[in-house]
């Protein structure tokens, strides 16, 4: 049986681990980033740093946010005197390497999951900083504000349309030529940008549904795939390793292994 060829659409600087997992599980990875991430030292980030001593909590939602602090404010973590929440084990492990031990990681690695944890713990009337990308959903800040918290949003990085979309166009061609067996999406923007680059290719959603195994990292990304009428699956735990494990399990089951 041939190796499954798995397309990875996440940003290039975040794709190395995913490619390694695919190879380790016996597949072949094709990298075609549909999203670029760029750290920015925005005015809102400067203000958050200046006022960090007033924070009761700070929430890190992705490794790229931590990259921004390390790039622009390398001493930020040295004397951080507030509680820390993170979404996802990957972000938590990176903070651990900075010497920061997260106080809260929700079991459900989504904004909704974190809001639910804050609600259950009755965390109210606090000042909470959220450094993130400006294009992020408003679920987290709105949810925390509804718990009577003051939320300070700071733009730490930009989520950009890929500056080089040739690899995605090549991927689409390979999909049309039945050279790709599975495709993975790790955020809503990876899906939206993929279909923007396809320039209204109506056949593409059908191909992803009928000819490929399409796997999302979790239900939030899955909802966007629903918008494009793409059949998909996602793991119970919303991480890249779990996504890949599910992909290969489904592949083996479908191919009689």
Protein backbone atom coordinates (compact mmCIF):
# COMPACT_ATOMS: atom_id res chain seq x y z
CA UNK A 1 0.00 0.00 0.00
CA UNK A 2 1.35 3.42 -0.94
CA UNK A 3 2.09 6.11 1.57
CA UNK A 4 -0.74 8.61 2.02
CA UNK A 5 0.19 12.05 0.72
CA UNK A 6 -0.96 14.64 3.26
CA UNK A 7 -1.28 18.35 2.50
CA UNK A 8 -0.46 20.75 5.33
CA UNK A 9 -1.84 24.27 5.00
CA UNK A 10 -0.66 25.86 8.24
CA UNK A 11 1.94 28.69 8.28
CA UNK A 12 5.40 27.58 7.23
CA UNK A 13 7.03 28.47 10.55
CA UNK A 14 4.48 26.29 12.36
CA UNK A 15 4.47 23.38 9.92
CA UNK A 16 7.72 21.59 10.77
CA UNK A 17 6.23 19.52 13.59
CA UNK A 18 3.21 18.57 11.50
CA UNK A 19 5.43 17.40 8.63
CA UNK A 20 7.53 15.37 11.06
CA UNK A 21 4.44 13.67 12.47
CA UNK A 22 3.20 12.77 8.98
CA UNK A 23 6.55 11.22 8.10
CA UNK A 24 6.72 9.37 11.42
CA UNK A 25 3.25 7.89 10.90
CA UNK A 26 4.23 6.61 7.49
CA UNK A 27 3.01 9.31 5.16
CA UNK A 28 4.44 11.92 2.84
CA UNK A 29 3.87 15.60 3.63
CA UNK A 30 3.19 18.37 1.10
CA UNK A 31 3.52 21.85 2.60
CA UNK A 32 1.36 24.58 1.10
CA UNK A 33 0.86 27.42 3.63
CA UNK A 34 -2.38 29.32 3.15
CA UNK A 35 -1.52 31.77 5.94
CA UNK A 36 1.45 33.91 6.92
CA UNK A 37 2.02 35.18 10.47
CA UNK A 38 3.96 38.39 11.14
CA UNK A 39 4.82 39.65 14.66
CA UNK A 40 4.06 43.38 15.07
CA UNK A 41 4.94 45.86 17.78
CA UNK A 42 1.62 47.67 17.63
CA UNK A 43 0.63 50.66 19.74
CA UNK A 44 -1.85 48.45 21.59
CA UNK A 45 0.94 45.97 22.40
CA UNK A 46 3.15 48.80 23.66
CA UNK A 47 0.33 49.97 25.91
CA UNK A 48 -0.23 46.46 27.27
CA UNK A 49 3.45 46.12 28.10
CA UNK A 50 3.51 49.51 29.82
CA UNK A 51 0.51 48.57 31.95
CA UNK A 52 1.35 44.93 32.64
CA UNK A 53 1.61 45.56 36.40
CA UNK A 54 -2.11 46.40 36.45
CA UNK A 55 -3.10 43.04 34.97
CA UNK A 56 -4.74 40.33 37.04
CA UNK A 57 -4.57 37.83 34.16
CA UNK A 58 -2.96 37.56 30.75
CA UNK A 59 -4.17 35.09 28.13
CA UNK A 60 -1.91 33.58 25.48
CA UNK A 61 -3.83 31.98 22.63
CA UNK A 62 -0.98 30.93 20.33
CA UNK A 63 2.80 30.43 20.16
CA UNK A 64 3.09 33.37 17.74
CA UNK A 65 2.04 35.76 20.49
CA UNK A 66 4.94 34.52 22.61
CA UNK A 67 7.24 34.98 19.60
CA UNK A 68 6.20 38.63 19.44
CA UNK A 69 7.05 39.26 23.08
CA UNK A 70 10.40 37.52 22.72
CA UNK A 71 11.16 39.62 19.65
CA UNK A 72 10.07 43.04 20.90
CA UNK A 73 10.09 42.69 24.72
CA UNK A 74 12.48 39.86 25.66
CA UNK A 75 12.35 40.83 29.36
CA UNK A 76 8.56 40.77 29.53
CA UNK A 77 8.37 37.35 31.18
CA UNK A 78 11.09 38.01 33.76
CA UNK A 79 8.90 39.85 36.25
CA UNK A 80 5.39 39.03 35.12
CA UNK A 81 3.25 39.38 38.23
CA UNK A 82 -0.18 38.15 37.17
CA UNK A 83 -1.92 34.88 36.54
CA UNK A 84 -1.56 33.27 33.12
CA UNK A 85 -4.09 31.34 31.03
CA UNK A 86 -3.32 29.63 27.76
CA UNK A 87 -5.29 27.86 25.07
CA UNK A 88 -3.57 24.63 24.10
CA UNK A 89 -0.77 22.47 25.43
CA UNK A 90 1.66 23.69 22.77
CA UNK A 91 1.37 27.29 23.90
CA UNK A 92 1.61 26.14 27.50
CA UNK A 93 4.80 24.16 26.90
CA UNK A 94 6.45 27.13 25.18
CA UNK A 95 5.63 29.32 28.18
CA UNK A 96 7.08 26.67 30.47
CA UNK A 97 10.37 27.08 28.62
CA UNK A 98 10.15 30.80 29.42
CA UNK A 99 9.88 29.93 33.10
CA UNK A 100 6.16 30.71 33.21
CA UNK A 101 3.85 28.04 34.62
CA UNK A 102 0.28 28.58 33.34
CA UNK A 103 -2.36 28.86 36.01
CA UNK A 104 -5.12 27.73 33.70
CA UNK A 105 -5.34 25.59 30.56
CA UNK A 106 -8.91 24.67 29.56
CA UNK A 107 -9.68 21.05 28.72
CA UNK A 108 -11.40 22.32 25.57
CA UNK A 109 -8.67 24.10 23.57
CA UNK A 110 -10.96 26.85 22.24
CA UNK A 111 -11.97 30.37 23.23
CA UNK A 112 -15.31 28.94 24.30
CA UNK A 113 -13.52 26.43 26.51
CA UNK A 114 -11.50 29.13 28.25
CA UNK A 115 -14.54 31.33 28.84
CA UNK A 116 -16.33 28.33 30.36
CA UNK A 117 -13.39 27.71 32.72
CA UNK A 118 -13.39 31.36 33.84
CA UNK A 119 -17.13 31.14 34.40
CA UNK A 120 -16.92 27.94 36.45
CA UNK A 121 -14.13 29.44 38.56
CA UNK A 122 -16.19 32.62 38.96
CA UNK A 123 -13.30 34.83 37.80
CA UNK A 124 -14.93 38.25 37.70
CA UNK A 125 -14.07 41.92 38.04
CA UNK A 126 -10.50 41.36 36.87
CA UNK A 127 -8.29 43.15 34.37
CA UNK A 128 -7.36 40.67 31.64
CA UNK A 129 -4.86 41.24 28.84
CA UNK A 130 -5.24 39.36 25.57
CA UNK A 131 -2.36 39.79 23.11
CA UNK A 132 -3.37 38.21 19.78
CA UNK A 133 -4.00 38.82 16.09
CA UNK A 134 -6.51 41.51 15.18
CA UNK A 135 -8.38 39.05 12.96
CA UNK A 136 -9.18 36.68 15.83
CA UNK A 137 -12.78 35.93 16.72
CA UNK A 138 -14.39 38.12 19.38
CA UNK A 139 -15.67 35.11 21.34
CA UNK A 140 -12.97 35.32 24.02
CA UNK A 141 -13.02 39.04 24.86
CA UNK A 142 -16.81 39.22 24.71
CA UNK A 143 -17.18 36.14 26.88
CA UNK A 144 -14.80 37.50 29.52
CA UNK A 145 -16.47 40.92 29.46
CA UNK A 146 -19.82 39.26 30.07
CA UNK A 147 -18.28 37.97 33.30
CA UNK A 148 -17.75 41.62 34.34
CA UNK A 149 -14.05 41.61 33.54
CA UNK A 150 -12.16 44.47 31.91
CA UNK A 151 -10.46 43.14 28.78
CA UNK A 152 -7.45 44.79 27.17
CA UNK A 153 -6.81 43.54 23.63
CA UNK A 154 -3.37 44.04 22.09
CA UNK A 155 -2.36 43.21 18.53
CA UNK A 156 0.78 41.05 18.78
CA UNK A 157 0.88 39.69 15.24
CA UNK A 158 -0.88 39.89 11.91
CA UNK A 159 -2.52 36.96 10.14
CA UNK A 160 -1.81 37.60 6.48
CA UNK A 161 -2.85 36.22 3.13
CA UNK A 162 0.16 34.19 1.96
CA UNK A 163 2.65 36.39 0.13
CA UNK A 164 3.64 33.43 -2.05
CA UNK A 165 0.56 31.50 -3.11
CA UNK A 166 2.25 29.42 -5.80
CA UNK A 167 2.61 26.41 -3.50
CA UNK A 168 -1.13 26.50 -2.84
CA UNK A 169 -1.91 26.71 -6.55
CA UNK A 170 0.38 23.74 -7.11
CA UNK A 171 -1.43 21.88 -4.33
CA UNK A 172 -4.80 22.57 -5.95
CA UNK A 173 -3.45 21.20 -9.23
CA UNK A 174 -2.25 18.06 -7.44
CA UNK A 175 -5.66 17.64 -5.82
CA UNK A 176 -7.32 17.88 -9.23
CA UNK A 177 -4.87 15.28 -10.56
CA UNK A 178 -5.58 12.88 -7.66
CA UNK A 179 -2.06 13.22 -6.27
CA UNK A 180 -3.17 14.16 -2.72
CA UNK A 181 -4.85 11.74 -0.32
CA UNK A 182 -5.61 13.97 2.66
CA UNK A 183 -5.55 17.64 3.64
CA UNK A 184 -5.42 19.32 7.04
CA UNK A 185 -6.60 22.74 8.22
CA UNK A 186 -5.60 24.23 11.58
CA UNK A 187 -7.56 27.51 11.68
CA UNK A 188 -10.50 29.23 10.00
CA UNK A 189 -8.19 31.47 7.96
CA UNK A 190 -6.31 28.49 6.51
CA UNK A 191 -9.64 27.39 5.06
CA UNK A 192 -10.83 30.80 3.84
CA UNK A 193 -7.52 31.62 2.18
CA UNK A 194 -7.33 28.21 0.53
CA UNK A 195 -10.64 28.81 -1.22
CA UNK A 196 -9.77 32.42 -2.07
CA UNK A 197 -6.64 31.23 -3.87
CA UNK A 198 -8.72 28.66 -5.75
CA UNK A 199 -10.55 31.61 -7.40
CA UNK A 200 -14.01 30.19 -7.23
CA UNK A 201 -13.10 26.65 -8.14
CA UNK A 202 -16.50 25.06 -7.48
CA UNK A 203 -15.18 21.54 -7.98
CA UNK A 204 -12.68 21.89 -5.16
CA UNK A 205 -15.15 21.46 -2.30
CA UNK A 206 -16.49 18.30 -3.95
CA UNK A 207 -12.97 16.93 -4.38
CA UNK A 208 -12.14 17.61 -0.72
CA UNK A 209 -15.37 15.91 0.32
CA UNK A 210 -15.36 12.90 -1.99
CA UNK A 211 -11.78 12.24 -3.07
CA UNK A 212 -9.69 13.38 -0.08
CA UNK A 213 -9.76 12.79 3.63
CA UNK A 214 -10.21 16.32 5.00
CA UNK A 215 -9.27 16.84 8.64
CA UNK A 216 -9.76 19.96 10.77
CA UNK A 217 -7.95 20.58 14.04
CA UNK A 218 -11.23 21.18 15.84
CA UNK A 219 -14.89 22.27 15.60
CA UNK A 220 -14.20 25.98 15.04
CA UNK A 221 -12.22 25.25 11.88
CA UNK A 222 -14.76 22.55 11.08
CA UNK A 223 -17.58 25.12 11.04
CA UNK A 224 -15.75 27.05 8.32
CA UNK A 225 -15.38 23.88 6.26
CA UNK A 226 -19.14 23.45 6.68
CA UNK A 227 -19.59 26.88 5.07
CA UNK A 228 -17.87 25.52 1.97
CA UNK A 229 -19.85 22.25 2.14
CA UNK A 230 -16.72 20.20 2.74
CA UNK A 231 -17.12 16.89 4.55
CA UNK A 232 -14.52 16.57 7.28
CA UNK A 233 -13.54 15.05 10.59
CA UNK A 234 -11.74 16.41 13.63
CA UNK A 235 -10.24 14.86 16.78
CA UNK A 236 -11.63 14.92 20.30
CA UNK A 237 -8.57 16.86 21.49
CA UNK A 238 -7.75 19.86 19.33
CA UNK A 239 -4.02 19.48 18.76
CA UNK A 240 -1.89 18.80 15.68
CA UNK A 241 -0.65 15.40 16.98
CA UNK A 242 -4.22 14.26 17.70
CA UNK A 243 -5.37 15.55 14.32
CA UNK A 244 -2.68 13.51 12.57
CA UNK A 245 -3.35 10.40 14.65
CA UNK A 246 -7.02 10.58 13.65
CA UNK A 247 -6.11 11.13 10.02
CA UNK A 248 -3.92 8.03 9.86
CA UNK A 249 -6.42 5.91 11.80
CA UNK A 250 -9.14 6.83 9.31
CA UNK A 251 -6.76 6.24 6.42
CA UNK A 252 -5.83 2.75 7.65
CA UNK A 253 -9.46 1.86 8.34
CA UNK A 254 -10.55 3.03 4.89
CA UNK A 255 -7.78 1.13 3.17
CA UNK A 256 -8.17 -2.14 5.03
CA UNK A 257 -5.14 -1.90 7.29
